[in-house]
Amino acid sequence: MGLIINGGNAKSDAMEAIQAAKTGDFALAEQKLEESDKALVEAHHSQTSMLTQEASGEDMKVTLLLVHSQDHLMNAITFRDMASEVVDVYKKMAGVTVD
């Protein structure tokens, strides 16, 4: 469940970053991108824990929930990357220097 919860939080934070940038609140947009990154780190910890268990010989059943959680994480990562680009576009449109 850590993958699903943290993946969902990461995606939501990334979406909030885009919404903040859309209104010109670039400080909030950057804050939300950072929060998204933190949620992704937590999701990766969950994923690493499962991978470590399987690598240690513990049998891991491939369930619909496991597949869904991995899908959720991958979508969150992709969305986070895209959100960063969208925030940069809004910054450029506003005349703000992009790193």
Protein backbone atom coordinates (compact mmCIF):
# COMPACT_ATOMS: atom_id res chain seq x y z
CA MET A 1 0.00 0.00 0.00
CA GLY A 2 2.98 2.33 0.47
CA LEU A 3 3.52 2.43 -3.27
CA ILE A 4 -0.10 3.33 -3.98
CA ILE A 5 -0.42 5.94 -1.24
CA ASN A 6 2.91 7.63 -1.86
CA GLY A 7 2.60 7.34 -5.62
CA GLY A 8 -0.81 8.98 -5.43
CA ASN A 9 0.52 11.73 -3.18
CA ALA A 10 3.42 12.35 -5.54
CA LYS A 11 1.11 12.69 -8.52
CA SER A 12 -1.29 14.97 -6.61
CA ASP A 13 1.57 17.20 -5.46
CA ALA A 14 2.87 17.41 -9.04
CA MET A 15 -0.59 18.40 -10.27
CA GLU A 16 -0.78 21.07 -7.56
CA ALA A 17 2.62 22.36 -8.75
CA ILE A 18 1.21 22.83 -12.24
CA GLN A 19 -1.87 24.60 -10.88
CA ALA A 20 0.30 26.92 -8.78
CA ALA A 21 2.52 27.74 -11.76
CA LYS A 22 -0.58 28.43 -13.84
CA THR A 23 -1.51 31.20 -11.39
CA GLY A 24 2.06 32.52 -11.25
CA ASP A 25 2.83 31.22 -7.75
CA PHE A 26 6.20 29.73 -8.62
CA ALA A 27 7.37 29.44 -5.01
CA LEU A 28 4.40 27.19 -4.26
CA ALA A 29 4.98 25.29 -7.50
CA GLU A 30 8.56 24.53 -6.46
CA GLN A 31 7.41 23.56 -2.97
CA LYS A 32 4.88 21.13 -4.44
CA LEU A 33 7.50 19.60 -6.74
CA GLU A 34 9.73 19.06 -3.70
CA GLU A 35 6.84 17.43 -1.83
CA SER A 36 6.24 15.22 -4.85
CA ASP A 37 9.89 14.19 -4.78
CA LYS A 38 9.65 13.30 -1.08
CA ALA A 39 6.59 11.14 -1.70
CA LEU A 40 8.42 9.39 -4.55
CA VAL A 41 11.36 8.66 -2.23
CA GLU A 42 8.96 7.07 0.26
CA ALA A 43 7.38 5.03 -2.54
CA HIS A 44 10.83 3.86 -3.62
CA HIS A 45 11.55 2.78 -0.05
CA SER A 46 8.44 0.58 -0.16
CA GLN A 47 9.45 -0.81 -3.53
CA THR A 48 13.03 -1.48 -2.38
CA SER A 49 11.73 -3.30 0.67
CA MET A 50 9.68 -5.64 -1.52
CA LEU A 51 12.59 -6.18 -3.92
CA THR A 52 14.91 -6.95 -1.01
CA GLN A 53 12.47 -9.50 0.39
CA GLU A 54 12.23 -11.25 -2.96
CA ALA A 55 16.01 -11.13 -3.48
CA SER A 56 16.41 -12.74 -0.04
CA GLY A 57 14.41 -15.72 -1.23
CA GLU A 58 11.00 -14.75 0.10
CA ASP A 59 8.38 -15.80 -2.42
CA MET A 60 6.43 -12.81 -3.69
CA LYS A 61 3.09 -13.48 -5.31
CA VAL A 62 2.32 -11.32 -8.30
CA THR A 63 -1.15 -10.03 -7.48
CA LEU A 64 -3.36 -7.47 -9.13
CA LEU A 65 -2.64 -5.18 -6.16
CA LEU A 66 1.11 -5.49 -6.73
CA VAL A 67 0.77 -4.80 -10.45
CA HIS A 68 -1.51 -1.84 -9.70
CA SER A 69 0.94 -0.41 -7.18
CA GLN A 70 3.84 -0.62 -9.66
CA ASP A 71 1.68 1.01 -12.33
CA HIS A 72 0.73 3.75 -9.89
CA LEU A 73 4.39 4.44 -9.11
CA MET A 74 5.47 4.55 -12.74
CA ASN A 75 2.65 6.95 -13.60
CA ALA A 76 3.56 9.17 -10.67
CA ILE A 77 7.21 9.31 -11.76
CA THR A 78 6.24 10.18 -15.31
CA PHE A 79 3.75 12.79 -14.17
CA ARG A 80 6.30 14.36 -11.80
CA ASP A 81 8.83 14.67 -14.61
CA MET A 82 6.26 16.23 -16.91
CA ALA A 83 5.07 18.62 -14.18
CA SER A 84 8.58 20.01 -13.83
CA GLU A 85 8.65 20.76 -17.54
CA VAL A 86 5.20 22.39 -17.45
CA VAL A 87 6.22 24.58 -14.50
CA ASP A 88 9.30 25.68 -16.47
CA VAL A 89 7.10 26.59 -19.45
CA TYR A 90 4.88 28.73 -17.24
CA LYS A 91 7.98 30.38 -15.77
CA LYS A 92 9.30 31.21 -19.24
CA MET A 93 5.92 32.59 -20.26
CA ALA A 94 6.05 34.85 -17.18
CA GLY A 95 9.60 35.97 -17.96
CA VAL A 96 11.13 34.10 -15.04
CA THR A 97 14.59 32.66 -15.54
CA VAL A 98 14.55 28.87 -15.60
CA ASP A 99 17.45 26.92 -14.08
